[in-house]
Amino acid sequence: PLVAGALLSPSNRARYQHFMALIENTSNAYGDQSLPVADLYVSLGNDLDEEEDKNSKHLALVVYEEAYNIYQAKSGDSDVRTIDCRVRMGKTFLSLGRHDEALESFCQAVYMREALLGELHPSVADVWVSISSVHRARGKLDPALKASAKALTGYRNAHGDKHPTVIDVLRTISAIHTGMGNADKAADIDKYVNLYSKAHC
């Protein structure tokens, strides 16, 4: 990671070097494969991931993977931090247009979260939304629709039929139907969305 840091802009490089110094100190105190070190890697990844340039995002993936490997080794696949780190990696892959790797990360995360929290938990639905986004970015509308339907089921179970999160997923489903040429289905969904969107204004 230190070599990769040289590719960053001067301002980002200074922040990166500050984080690496913290990581070195924490490694000396707790061990380089300790959970506090993994937590710092995630913080550094989040910081880098907020930047728009690709070098920062590529480096974010490197440090997320470092964190993921530590969490997995120390706490296993069912640990919340392990799963969250996998989701972060998926989002970064997606932002870089690396759709295959994004889909792999999200699919791993969704099954890990299902095992931990159950299929209908809203945190599982969050990952199905991300999976749908990957499929849509690849122009694969049928699996995008199926993933959005799974998200909708989870959100409805958690929040009811009229929650803003449910409405947002319905908007996505309507857009997918429009893209598939299902204008009537899209129109029916839009009527429902418009009705309850006004109710929340």
N, C-alpha and C. Protein backbone atom coordinates (compact mmCIF):
# COMPACT_ATOMS: atom_id res chain seq x y z
N PRO A 1 0.80 -1.23 0.00
CA PRO A 1 0.00 0.00 0.00
C PRO A 1 0.83 1.28 0.00
N LEU A 2 2.00 1.26 0.65
CA LEU A 2 2.81 2.47 0.70
C LEU A 2 3.27 2.89 -0.70
N VAL A 3 3.61 1.91 -1.54
CA VAL A 3 4.01 2.21 -2.91
C VAL A 3 2.85 2.81 -3.68
N ALA A 4 1.67 2.22 -3.51
CA ALA A 4 0.48 2.72 -4.20
C ALA A 4 0.16 4.15 -3.77
N GLY A 5 0.49 4.50 -2.53
CA GLY A 5 0.20 5.84 -2.04
C GLY A 5 0.93 6.92 -2.80
N ALA A 6 2.03 6.55 -3.45
CA ALA A 6 2.78 7.54 -4.22
C ALA A 6 2.01 8.04 -5.43
N LEU A 7 0.98 7.31 -5.85
CA LEU A 7 0.18 7.69 -7.01
C LEU A 7 -0.89 8.73 -6.67
N LEU A 8 -1.06 9.04 -5.40
CA LEU A 8 -2.11 9.97 -4.98
C LEU A 8 -1.66 11.42 -5.18
N SER A 9 -2.65 12.32 -5.18
CA SER A 9 -2.34 13.75 -5.22
C SER A 9 -1.63 14.14 -3.92
N PRO A 10 -0.87 15.24 -3.92
CA PRO A 10 -0.12 15.62 -2.71
C PRO A 10 -0.98 15.72 -1.44
N SER A 11 -2.17 16.32 -1.55
CA SER A 11 -3.01 16.47 -0.36
C SER A 11 -3.52 15.11 0.13
N ASN A 12 -3.93 14.27 -0.80
CA ASN A 12 -4.39 12.93 -0.41
C ASN A 12 -3.24 12.08 0.11
N ARG A 13 -2.05 12.29 -0.47
CA ARG A 13 -0.89 11.52 -0.04
C ARG A 13 -0.55 11.83 1.42
N ALA A 14 -0.69 13.10 1.81
CA ALA A 14 -0.39 13.49 3.20
C ALA A 14 -1.36 12.81 4.16
N ARG A 15 -2.64 12.79 3.81
CA ARG A 15 -3.63 12.12 4.67
C ARG A 15 -3.36 10.62 4.73
N TYR A 16 -2.99 10.06 3.58
CA TYR A 16 -2.70 8.64 3.51
C TYR A 16 -1.51 8.29 4.41
N GLN A 17 -0.46 9.10 4.33
CA GLN A 17 0.72 8.84 5.15
C GLN A 17 0.41 8.97 6.64
N HIS A 18 -0.50 9.90 6.98
CA HIS A 18 -0.94 10.05 8.38
C HIS A 18 -1.62 8.76 8.84
N PHE A 19 -2.51 8.22 8.01
CA PHE A 19 -3.19 6.97 8.34
C PHE A 19 -2.20 5.83 8.48
N MET A 20 -1.24 5.76 7.56
CA MET A 20 -0.28 4.67 7.61
C MET A 20 0.57 4.73 8.88
N ALA A 21 0.86 5.95 9.35
CA ALA A 21 1.60 6.09 10.61
C ALA A 21 0.75 5.57 11.77
N LEU A 22 -0.55 5.89 11.76
CA LEU A 22 -1.46 5.37 12.79
C LEU A 22 -1.50 3.85 12.75
N ILE A 23 -1.58 3.31 11.53
CA ILE A 23 -1.64 1.86 11.38
C ILE A 23 -0.36 1.21 11.89
N GLU A 24 0.79 1.83 11.61
CA GLU A 24 2.05 1.28 12.09
C GLU A 24 2.11 1.28 13.62
N ASN A 25 1.68 2.39 14.23
CA ASN A 25 1.67 2.46 15.70
C ASN A 25 0.73 1.43 16.31
N THR A 26 -0.45 1.28 15.68
CA THR A 26 -1.43 0.32 16.18
C THR A 26 -0.93 -1.11 15.99
N SER A 27 -0.26 -1.36 14.86
CA SER A 27 0.33 -2.68 14.61
C SER A 27 1.37 -3.02 15.67
N ASN A 28 2.16 -2.03 16.04
CA ASN A 28 3.19 -2.26 17.07
C ASN A 28 2.55 -2.57 18.42
N ALA A 29 1.39 -1.96 18.67
CA ALA A 29 0.73 -2.16 19.96
C ALA A 29 -0.07 -3.46 20.02
N TYR A 30 -0.75 -3.79 18.92
CA TYR A 30 -1.70 -4.91 18.96
C TYR A 30 -1.37 -6.05 17.98
N GLY A 31 -0.45 -5.80 17.06
CA GLY A 31 -0.16 -6.79 16.02
C GLY A 31 -0.74 -6.36 14.69
N ASP A 32 -0.02 -6.68 13.60
CA ASP A 32 -0.45 -6.17 12.30
C ASP A 32 -1.68 -6.87 11.74
N GLN A 33 -2.08 -7.97 12.36
CA GLN A 33 -3.31 -8.66 11.94
C GLN A 33 -4.41 -8.54 13.00
N SER A 34 -4.37 -7.46 13.76
CA SER A 34 -5.34 -7.26 14.84
C SER A 34 -6.58 -6.53 14.34
N LEU A 35 -7.65 -6.65 15.10
CA LEU A 35 -8.89 -5.97 14.73
C LEU A 35 -8.77 -4.44 14.74
N PRO A 36 -8.05 -3.83 15.71
CA PRO A 36 -7.88 -2.37 15.64
C PRO A 36 -7.20 -1.92 14.35
N VAL A 37 -6.26 -2.71 13.84
CA VAL A 37 -5.62 -2.37 12.57
C VAL A 37 -6.62 -2.47 11.43
N ALA A 38 -7.45 -3.51 11.45
CA ALA A 38 -8.48 -3.66 10.41
C ALA A 38 -9.43 -2.47 10.43
N ASP A 39 -9.81 -2.02 11.63
CA ASP A 39 -10.71 -0.87 11.73
C ASP A 39 -10.07 0.38 11.11
N LEU A 40 -8.77 0.55 11.30
CA LEU A 40 -8.08 1.69 10.69
C LEU A 40 -8.03 1.57 9.17
N TYR A 41 -7.82 0.36 8.69
CA TYR A 41 -7.84 0.16 7.24
C TYR A 41 -9.19 0.56 6.65
N VAL A 42 -10.26 0.22 7.34
CA VAL A 42 -11.60 0.59 6.85
C VAL A 42 -11.76 2.11 6.85
N SER A 43 -11.30 2.77 7.91
CA SER A 43 -11.38 4.23 7.96
C SER A 43 -10.59 4.86 6.82
N LEU A 44 -9.41 4.33 6.56
CA LEU A 44 -8.59 4.83 5.46
C LEU A 44 -9.29 4.57 4.13
N GLY A 45 -9.86 3.38 3.96
CA GLY A 45 -10.59 3.07 2.73
C GLY A 45 -11.76 4.00 2.50
N ASN A 46 -12.50 4.29 3.56
CA ASN A 46 -13.63 5.22 3.44
C ASN A 46 -13.16 6.60 3.01
N ASP A 47 -12.05 7.03 3.58
CA ASP A 47 -11.49 8.34 3.26
C ASP A 47 -11.08 8.40 1.78
N LEU A 48 -10.41 7.37 1.32
CA LEU A 48 -9.97 7.32 -0.08
C LEU A 48 -11.14 7.18 -1.03
N ASP A 49 -12.14 6.43 -0.61
CA ASP A 49 -13.28 6.13 -1.48
C ASP A 49 -14.13 7.36 -1.76
N GLU A 50 -14.02 8.37 -0.90
CA GLU A 50 -14.78 9.60 -1.11
C GLU A 50 -14.20 10.45 -2.25
N GLU A 51 -12.96 10.15 -2.62
CA GLU A 51 -12.32 10.90 -3.70
C GLU A 51 -12.83 10.40 -5.06
N GLU A 52 -12.78 11.28 -6.04
CA GLU A 52 -13.30 10.93 -7.37
C GLU A 52 -12.25 10.25 -8.26
N ASP A 53 -10.97 10.45 -7.94
CA ASP A 53 -9.95 9.92 -8.85
C ASP A 53 -9.79 8.41 -8.67
N LYS A 54 -9.43 7.76 -9.76
CA LYS A 54 -9.36 6.30 -9.77
C LYS A 54 -8.23 5.76 -8.90
N ASN A 55 -7.12 6.49 -8.82
CA ASN A 55 -6.01 6.01 -7.99
C ASN A 55 -6.44 5.86 -6.54
N SER A 56 -7.21 6.83 -6.05
CA SER A 56 -7.69 6.75 -4.66
C SER A 56 -8.62 5.55 -4.48
N LYS A 57 -9.48 5.34 -5.44
CA LYS A 57 -10.44 4.23 -5.33
C LYS A 57 -9.73 2.87 -5.45
N HIS A 58 -8.73 2.80 -6.32
CA HIS A 58 -7.95 1.55 -6.41
C HIS A 58 -7.25 1.26 -5.09
N LEU A 59 -6.71 2.29 -4.49
CA LEU A 59 -6.04 2.12 -3.20
C LEU A 59 -7.04 1.78 -2.10
N ALA A 60 -8.23 2.35 -2.18
CA ALA A 60 -9.28 2.00 -1.22
C ALA A 60 -9.56 0.50 -1.27
N LEU A 61 -9.61 -0.06 -2.47
CA LEU A 61 -9.84 -1.49 -2.60
C LEU A 61 -8.73 -2.30 -1.93
N VAL A 62 -7.49 -1.83 -2.08
CA VAL A 62 -6.35 -2.53 -1.47
C VAL A 62 -6.50 -2.58 0.04
N VAL A 63 -6.84 -1.44 0.65
CA VAL A 63 -6.92 -1.41 2.11
C VAL A 63 -8.21 -2.07 2.62
N TYR A 64 -9.29 -1.99 1.85
CA TYR A 64 -10.49 -2.74 2.23
C TYR A 64 -10.20 -4.24 2.25
N GLU A 65 -9.45 -4.70 1.26
CA GLU A 65 -9.13 -6.13 1.22
C GLU A 65 -8.26 -6.53 2.39
N GLU A 66 -7.32 -5.66 2.77
CA GLU A 66 -6.51 -5.92 3.97
C GLU A 66 -7.42 -6.08 5.19
N ALA A 67 -8.37 -5.15 5.33
CA ALA A 67 -9.29 -5.21 6.47
C ALA A 67 -10.15 -6.46 6.41
N TYR A 68 -10.67 -6.75 5.22
CA TYR A 68 -11.54 -7.93 5.05
C TYR A 68 -10.81 -9.20 5.46
N ASN A 69 -9.57 -9.35 5.03
CA ASN A 69 -8.81 -10.57 5.35
C ASN A 69 -8.58 -10.71 6.85
N ILE A 70 -8.35 -9.58 7.52
CA ILE A 70 -8.16 -9.64 8.97
C ILE A 70 -9.47 -10.00 9.66
N TYR A 71 -10.56 -9.31 9.30
CA TYR A 71 -11.86 -9.61 9.92
C TYR A 71 -12.24 -11.08 9.71
N GLN A 72 -12.05 -11.55 8.49
CA GLN A 72 -12.42 -12.93 8.19
C GLN A 72 -11.60 -13.93 9.01
N ALA A 73 -10.29 -13.67 9.11
CA ALA A 73 -9.42 -14.57 9.87
C ALA A 73 -9.72 -14.54 11.36
N LYS A 74 -10.03 -13.34 11.89
CA LYS A 74 -10.23 -13.18 13.33
C LYS A 74 -11.66 -13.51 13.78
N SER A 75 -12.63 -13.15 12.93
CA SER A 75 -14.03 -13.22 13.38
C SER A 75 -14.92 -14.10 12.52
N GLY A 76 -14.44 -14.49 11.35
CA GLY A 76 -15.23 -15.37 10.49
C GLY A 76 -16.18 -14.63 9.56
N ASP A 77 -16.84 -15.40 8.69
CA ASP A 77 -17.73 -14.83 7.68
C ASP A 77 -19.02 -14.24 8.26
N SER A 78 -19.39 -14.67 9.46
CA SER A 78 -20.66 -14.22 10.03
C SER A 78 -20.52 -12.94 10.85
N ASP A 79 -19.34 -12.38 10.90
CA ASP A 79 -19.14 -11.13 11.66
C ASP A 79 -19.63 -9.94 10.83
N VAL A 80 -20.31 -9.02 11.48
CA VAL A 80 -20.86 -7.85 10.80
C VAL A 80 -19.78 -7.07 10.06
N ARG A 81 -18.61 -6.93 10.68
CA ARG A 81 -17.53 -6.15 10.06
C ARG A 81 -16.99 -6.82 8.80
N THR A 82 -16.92 -8.14 8.83
CA THR A 82 -16.48 -8.88 7.64
C THR A 82 -17.43 -8.62 6.48
N ILE A 83 -18.71 -8.71 6.77
CA ILE A 83 -19.73 -8.54 5.72
C ILE A 83 -19.77 -7.10 5.23
N ASP A 84 -19.73 -6.15 6.16
CA ASP A 84 -19.78 -4.74 5.77
C ASP A 84 -18.59 -4.38 4.88
N CYS A 85 -17.44 -4.95 5.18
CA CYS A 85 -16.25 -4.67 4.38
C CYS A 85 -16.42 -5.21 2.96
N ARG A 86 -17.06 -6.36 2.85
CA ARG A 86 -17.31 -6.93 1.52
C ARG A 86 -18.25 -6.03 0.73
N VAL A 87 -19.25 -5.46 1.40
CA VAL A 87 -20.17 -4.53 0.74
C VAL A 87 -19.42 -3.29 0.26
N ARG A 88 -18.56 -2.76 1.11
CA ARG A 88 -17.77 -1.58 0.73
C ARG A 88 -16.95 -1.87 -0.53
N MET A 89 -16.34 -3.04 -0.57
CA MET A 89 -15.55 -3.42 -1.74
C MET A 89 -16.43 -3.47 -2.98
N GLY A 90 -17.64 -4.04 -2.84
CA GLY A 90 -18.55 -4.10 -3.97
C GLY A 90 -18.91 -2.73 -4.50
N LYS A 91 -19.18 -1.80 -3.61
CA LYS A 91 -19.55 -0.45 -4.03
C LYS A 91 -18.39 0.25 -4.75
N THR A 92 -17.17 0.01 -4.26
CA THR A 92 -16.02 0.62 -4.91
C THR A 92 -15.78 0.00 -6.28
N PHE A 93 -15.89 -1.31 -6.37
CA PHE A 93 -15.78 -1.97 -7.68
C PHE A 93 -16.81 -1.40 -8.66
N LEU A 94 -18.04 -1.21 -8.17
CA LEU A 94 -19.11 -0.69 -9.03
C LEU A 94 -18.79 0.73 -9.50
N SER A 95 -18.26 1.56 -8.60
CA SER A 95 -17.94 2.94 -8.97
C SER A 95 -16.83 3.00 -10.02
N LEU A 96 -16.00 1.94 -10.07
CA LEU A 96 -14.92 1.86 -11.05
C LEU A 96 -15.35 1.16 -12.33
N GLY A 97 -16.61 0.72 -12.38
CA GLY A 97 -17.11 0.02 -13.56
C GLY A 97 -16.63 -1.42 -13.64
N ARG A 98 -16.13 -1.95 -12.56
CA ARG A 98 -15.66 -3.35 -12.53
C ARG A 98 -16.81 -4.23 -12.07
N HIS A 99 -17.73 -4.47 -13.00
CA HIS A 99 -19.03 -5.05 -12.67
C HIS A 99 -18.95 -6.50 -12.21
N ASP A 100 -18.11 -7.29 -12.83
CA ASP A 100 -18.00 -8.70 -12.42
C ASP A 100 -17.54 -8.81 -10.97
N GLU A 101 -16.53 -8.02 -10.62
CA GLU A 101 -16.01 -8.06 -9.26
C GLU A 101 -17.00 -7.47 -8.26
N ALA A 102 -17.72 -6.45 -8.69
CA ALA A 102 -18.76 -5.87 -7.82
C ALA A 102 -19.84 -6.91 -7.53
N LEU A 103 -20.27 -7.60 -8.58
CA LEU A 103 -21.33 -8.59 -8.41
C LEU A 103 -20.87 -9.73 -7.51
N GLU A 104 -19.63 -10.16 -7.69
CA GLU A 104 -19.10 -11.22 -6.83
C GLU A 104 -19.09 -10.79 -5.37
N SER A 105 -18.65 -9.56 -5.11
CA SER A 105 -18.60 -9.06 -3.73
C SER A 105 -20.00 -8.96 -3.12
N PHE A 106 -20.94 -8.41 -3.88
CA PHE A 106 -22.29 -8.25 -3.35
C PHE A 106 -22.97 -9.60 -3.14
N CYS A 107 -22.75 -10.54 -4.06
CA CYS A 107 -23.38 -11.86 -3.90
C CYS A 107 -22.84 -12.57 -2.66
N GLN A 108 -21.54 -12.47 -2.43
CA GLN A 108 -20.98 -13.04 -1.21
C GLN A 108 -21.58 -12.37 0.02
N ALA A 109 -21.68 -11.04 -0.03
CA ALA A 109 -22.20 -10.30 1.12
C ALA A 109 -23.66 -10.62 1.39
N VAL A 110 -24.46 -10.76 0.35
CA VAL A 110 -25.89 -10.97 0.57
C VAL A 110 -26.14 -12.33 1.23
N TYR A 111 -25.40 -13.34 0.82
CA TYR A 111 -25.60 -14.66 1.43
C TYR A 111 -25.04 -14.71 2.84
N MET A 112 -23.96 -13.98 3.08
CA MET A 112 -23.42 -13.89 4.43
C MET A 112 -24.40 -13.18 5.36
N ARG A 113 -25.01 -12.09 4.86
CA ARG A 113 -25.98 -11.36 5.69
C ARG A 113 -27.26 -12.18 5.90
N GLU A 114 -27.68 -12.90 4.88
CA GLU A 114 -28.86 -13.76 5.05
C GLU A 114 -28.61 -14.80 6.14
N ALA A 115 -27.41 -15.38 6.13
CA ALA A 115 -27.08 -16.39 7.14
C ALA A 115 -27.07 -15.79 8.55
N LEU A 116 -26.65 -14.54 8.64
CA LEU A 116 -26.55 -13.89 9.94
C LEU A 116 -27.87 -13.31 10.43
N LEU A 117 -28.62 -12.67 9.50
CA LEU A 117 -29.78 -11.87 9.91
C LEU A 117 -31.13 -12.40 9.41
N GLY A 118 -31.10 -13.33 8.46
CA GLY A 118 -32.35 -13.81 7.86
C GLY A 118 -32.62 -13.12 6.54
N GLU A 119 -33.35 -13.80 5.65
CA GLU A 119 -33.56 -13.32 4.28
C GLU A 119 -34.31 -12.00 4.21
N LEU A 120 -35.16 -11.70 5.19
CA LEU A 120 -36.04 -10.54 5.09
C LEU A 120 -35.52 -9.31 5.84
N HIS A 121 -34.34 -9.39 6.37
CA HIS A 121 -33.79 -8.23 7.10
C HIS A 121 -33.52 -7.08 6.13
N PRO A 122 -33.81 -5.84 6.53
CA PRO A 122 -33.58 -4.71 5.61
C PRO A 122 -32.12 -4.54 5.20
N SER A 123 -31.17 -4.97 6.03
CA SER A 123 -29.77 -4.90 5.63
C SER A 123 -29.46 -5.85 4.49
N VAL A 124 -30.19 -6.96 4.42
CA VAL A 124 -30.08 -7.88 3.29
C VAL A 124 -30.68 -7.22 2.05
N ALA A 125 -31.82 -6.56 2.24
CA ALA A 125 -32.46 -5.85 1.13
C ALA A 125 -31.53 -4.78 0.55
N ASP A 126 -30.76 -4.12 1.41
CA ASP A 126 -29.81 -3.11 0.94
C ASP A 126 -28.84 -3.69 -0.09
N VAL A 127 -28.38 -4.90 0.18
CA VAL A 127 -27.42 -5.53 -0.74
C VAL A 127 -28.11 -5.95 -2.04
N TRP A 128 -29.36 -6.40 -1.95
CA TRP A 128 -30.10 -6.72 -3.18
C TRP A 128 -30.27 -5.49 -4.06
N VAL A 129 -30.43 -4.33 -3.44
CA VAL A 129 -30.49 -3.08 -4.22
C VAL A 129 -29.18 -2.87 -4.98
N SER A 130 -28.07 -3.13 -4.31
CA SER A 130 -26.77 -2.98 -4.96
C SER A 130 -26.59 -3.99 -6.08
N ILE A 131 -27.05 -5.21 -5.85
CA ILE A 131 -26.96 -6.24 -6.90
C ILE A 131 -27.78 -5.83 -8.11
N SER A 132 -28.95 -5.28 -7.87
CA SER A 132 -29.79 -4.79 -8.98
C SER A 132 -29.07 -3.69 -9.75
N SER A 133 -28.37 -2.81 -9.02
CA SER A 133 -27.64 -1.71 -9.67
C SER A 133 -26.56 -2.25 -10.61
N VAL A 134 -25.87 -3.31 -10.19
CA VAL A 134 -24.84 -3.90 -11.04
C VAL A 134 -25.46 -4.46 -12.31
N HIS A 135 -26.55 -5.20 -12.15
CA HIS A 135 -27.21 -5.80 -13.32
C HIS A 135 -27.71 -4.71 -14.28
N ARG A 136 -28.24 -3.64 -13.72
CA ARG A 136 -28.72 -2.55 -14.59
C ARG A 136 -27.56 -1.90 -15.33
N ALA A 137 -26.44 -1.72 -14.64
CA ALA A 137 -25.27 -1.12 -15.28
C ALA A 137 -24.75 -1.99 -16.42
N ARG A 138 -24.99 -3.29 -16.32
CA ARG A 138 -24.55 -4.22 -17.37
C ARG A 138 -25.62 -4.42 -18.44
N GLY A 139 -26.78 -3.78 -18.25
CA GLY A 139 -27.86 -3.92 -19.21
C GLY A 139 -28.62 -5.23 -19.09
N LYS A 140 -28.50 -5.90 -17.96
CA LYS A 140 -29.18 -7.18 -17.73
C LYS A 140 -30.41 -6.92 -16.85
N LEU A 141 -31.52 -6.66 -17.52
CA LEU A 141 -32.70 -6.17 -16.80
C LEU A 141 -33.47 -7.26 -16.08
N ASP A 142 -33.46 -8.47 -16.61
CA ASP A 142 -34.22 -9.54 -15.94
C ASP A 142 -33.64 -9.85 -14.56
N PRO A 143 -32.33 -10.11 -14.43
CA PRO A 143 -31.80 -10.31 -13.07
C PRO A 143 -31.88 -9.06 -12.21
N ALA A 144 -31.83 -7.88 -12.84
CA ALA A 144 -32.00 -6.63 -12.07
C ALA A 144 -33.39 -6.58 -11.45
N LEU A 145 -34.39 -6.99 -12.22
CA LEU A 145 -35.76 -7.00 -11.72
C LEU A 145 -35.93 -7.99 -10.57
N LYS A 146 -35.33 -9.15 -10.71
CA LYS A 146 -35.42 -10.17 -9.65
C LYS A 146 -34.75 -9.68 -8.37
N ALA A 147 -33.60 -9.04 -8.51
CA ALA A 147 -32.90 -8.53 -7.32
C ALA A 147 -33.71 -7.42 -6.65
N SER A 148 -34.30 -6.53 -7.46
CA SER A 148 -35.12 -5.46 -6.89
C SER A 148 -36.36 -6.02 -6.20
N ALA A 149 -36.92 -7.09 -6.76
CA ALA A 149 -38.09 -7.72 -6.14
C ALA A 149 -37.73 -8.29 -4.77
N LYS A 150 -36.54 -8.87 -4.66
CA LYS A 150 -36.09 -9.39 -3.36
C LYS A 150 -35.92 -8.25 -2.35
N ALA A 151 -35.34 -7.13 -2.83
CA ALA A 151 -35.19 -5.97 -1.96
C ALA A 151 -36.55 -5.46 -1.50
N LEU A 152 -37.49 -5.40 -2.43
CA LEU A 152 -38.84 -4.91 -2.11
C LEU A 152 -39.49 -5.77 -1.04
N THR A 153 -39.35 -7.08 -1.16
CA THR A 153 -39.93 -7.99 -0.16
C THR A 153 -39.36 -7.73 1.22
N GLY A 154 -38.04 -7.54 1.28
CA GLY A 154 -37.41 -7.28 2.58
C GLY A 154 -37.83 -5.95 3.19
N TYR A 155 -37.87 -4.92 2.38
CA TYR A 155 -38.25 -3.60 2.88
C TYR A 155 -39.73 -3.58 3.30
N ARG A 156 -40.57 -4.22 2.51
CA ARG A 156 -42.00 -4.25 2.88
C ARG A 156 -42.20 -5.00 4.19
N ASN A 157 -41.46 -6.07 4.37
CA ASN A 157 -41.58 -6.84 5.61
C ASN A 157 -41.15 -5.99 6.81
N ALA A 158 -40.12 -5.17 6.61
CA ALA A 158 -39.59 -4.37 7.72
C ALA A 158 -40.38 -3.08 7.96
N HIS A 159 -40.86 -2.46 6.87
CA HIS A 159 -41.38 -1.10 6.98
C HIS A 159 -42.83 -0.92 6.55
N GLY A 160 -43.44 -1.93 5.95
CA GLY A 160 -44.78 -1.75 5.41
C GLY A 160 -44.73 -1.31 3.95
N ASP A 161 -45.93 -1.06 3.39
CA ASP A 161 -46.04 -0.79 1.95
C ASP A 161 -45.76 0.65 1.54
N LYS A 162 -45.77 1.58 2.48
CA LYS A 162 -45.75 3.00 2.10
C LYS A 162 -44.48 3.74 2.53
N HIS A 163 -43.53 3.01 3.03
CA HIS A 163 -42.29 3.62 3.50
C HIS A 163 -41.49 4.19 2.31
N PRO A 164 -40.80 5.32 2.52
CA PRO A 164 -40.00 5.90 1.41
C PRO A 164 -39.02 4.93 0.76
N THR A 165 -38.44 4.03 1.56
CA THR A 165 -37.51 3.05 0.99
C THR A 165 -38.22 2.12 0.02
N VAL A 166 -39.43 1.72 0.39
CA VAL A 166 -40.25 0.88 -0.49
C VAL A 166 -40.58 1.63 -1.77
N ILE A 167 -40.95 2.89 -1.63
CA ILE A 167 -41.30 3.70 -2.80
C ILE A 167 -40.10 3.84 -3.73
N ASP A 168 -38.91 4.02 -3.16
CA ASP A 168 -37.70 4.15 -3.98
C ASP A 168 -37.45 2.88 -4.80
N VAL A 169 -37.63 1.72 -4.18
CA VAL A 169 -37.42 0.46 -4.91
C VAL A 169 -38.49 0.30 -5.98
N LEU A 170 -39.71 0.71 -5.68
CA LEU A 170 -40.76 0.64 -6.70
C LEU A 170 -40.43 1.53 -7.90
N ARG A 171 -39.83 2.67 -7.65
CA ARG A 171 -39.39 3.54 -8.76
C ARG A 171 -38.37 2.81 -9.65
N THR A 172 -37.45 2.11 -8.99
CA THR A 172 -36.46 1.36 -9.74
C THR A 172 -37.12 0.25 -10.55
N ILE A 173 -38.06 -0.45 -9.94
CA ILE A 173 -38.76 -1.53 -10.64
C ILE A 173 -39.54 -0.99 -11.83
N SER A 174 -40.15 0.18 -11.65
CA SER A 174 -40.87 0.81 -12.76
C SER A 174 -39.91 1.12 -13.90
N ALA A 175 -38.74 1.66 -13.58
CA ALA A 175 -37.75 2.00 -14.61
C ALA A 175 -37.27 0.75 -15.33
N ILE A 176 -37.11 -0.34 -14.59
CA ILE A 176 -36.69 -1.60 -15.22
C ILE A 176 -37.78 -2.10 -16.18
N HIS A 177 -39.02 -2.05 -15.74
CA HIS A 177 -40.13 -2.47 -16.62
C HIS A 177 -40.18 -1.61 -17.87
N THR A 178 -39.95 -0.31 -17.71
CA THR A 178 -39.92 0.57 -18.88
C THR A 178 -38.82 0.13 -19.85
N GLY A 179 -37.66 -0.17 -19.30
CA GLY A 179 -36.55 -0.62 -20.12
C GLY A 179 -36.82 -1.94 -20.81
N MET A 180 -37.66 -2.77 -20.20
CA MET A 180 -37.99 -4.07 -20.78
C MET A 180 -39.17 -3.99 -21.75
N GLY A 181 -39.73 -2.78 -21.88
CA GLY A 181 -40.87 -2.60 -22.78
C GLY A 181 -42.21 -2.93 -22.15
N ASN A 182 -42.24 -3.05 -20.82
CA ASN A 182 -43.49 -3.35 -20.11
C ASN A 182 -44.14 -2.05 -19.64
N ALA A 183 -44.62 -1.27 -20.58
CA ALA A 183 -45.13 0.07 -20.26
C ALA A 183 -46.32 0.02 -19.32
N ASP A 184 -47.21 -0.95 -19.50
CA ASP A 184 -48.41 -1.03 -18.66
C ASP A 184 -48.04 -1.31 -17.19
N LYS A 185 -47.11 -2.23 -16.99
CA LYS A 185 -46.68 -2.54 -15.62
C LYS A 185 -46.02 -1.32 -14.98
N ALA A 186 -45.20 -0.64 -15.76
CA ALA A 186 -44.53 0.55 -15.25
C ALA A 186 -45.55 1.62 -14.88
N ALA A 187 -46.56 1.80 -15.71
CA ALA A 187 -47.59 2.81 -15.45
C ALA A 187 -48.36 2.50 -14.17
N ASP A 188 -48.69 1.23 -13.95
CA ASP A 188 -49.41 0.83 -12.74
C ASP A 188 -48.58 1.13 -11.49
N ILE A 189 -47.30 0.80 -11.57
CA ILE A 189 -46.41 1.07 -10.43
C ILE A 189 -46.28 2.57 -10.19
N ASP A 190 -46.17 3.33 -11.27
CA ASP A 190 -46.02 4.78 -11.15
C ASP A 190 -47.23 5.42 -10.47
N LYS A 191 -48.42 4.91 -10.73
CA LYS A 191 -49.62 5.43 -10.08
C LYS A 191 -49.52 5.27 -8.56
N TYR A 192 -49.07 4.09 -8.14
CA TYR A 192 -48.91 3.82 -6.71
C TYR A 192 -47.82 4.72 -6.12
N VAL A 193 -46.71 4.81 -6.83
CA VAL A 193 -45.58 5.62 -6.36
C VAL A 193 -45.99 7.09 -6.22
N ASN A 194 -46.67 7.61 -7.23
CA ASN A 194 -47.09 9.01 -7.19
C ASN A 194 -48.07 9.28 -6.06
N LEU A 195 -48.95 8.34 -5.82
CA LEU A 195 -49.94 8.49 -4.76
C LEU A 195 -49.26 8.60 -3.40
N TYR A 196 -48.33 7.69 -3.10
CA TYR A 196 -47.72 7.66 -1.78
C TYR A 196 -46.52 8.57 -1.65
N SER A 197 -45.94 8.99 -2.78
CA SER A 197 -44.88 10.00 -2.72
C SER A 197 -45.47 11.32 -2.24
N LYS A 198 -46.67 11.67 -2.74
CA LYS A 198 -47.33 12.90 -2.31
C LYS A 198 -47.70 12.84 -0.83
N ALA A 199 -48.04 11.63 -0.36
CA ALA A 199 -48.43 11.49 1.03
C ALA A 199 -47.27 11.77 1.97
N HIS A 200 -46.02 11.58 1.47
CA HIS A 200 -44.84 11.80 2.33
C HIS A 200 -44.24 13.18 2.14
N CYS A 201 -44.79 13.98 1.24
CA CYS A 201 -44.23 15.33 1.03
C CYS A 201 -44.58 16.25 2.18
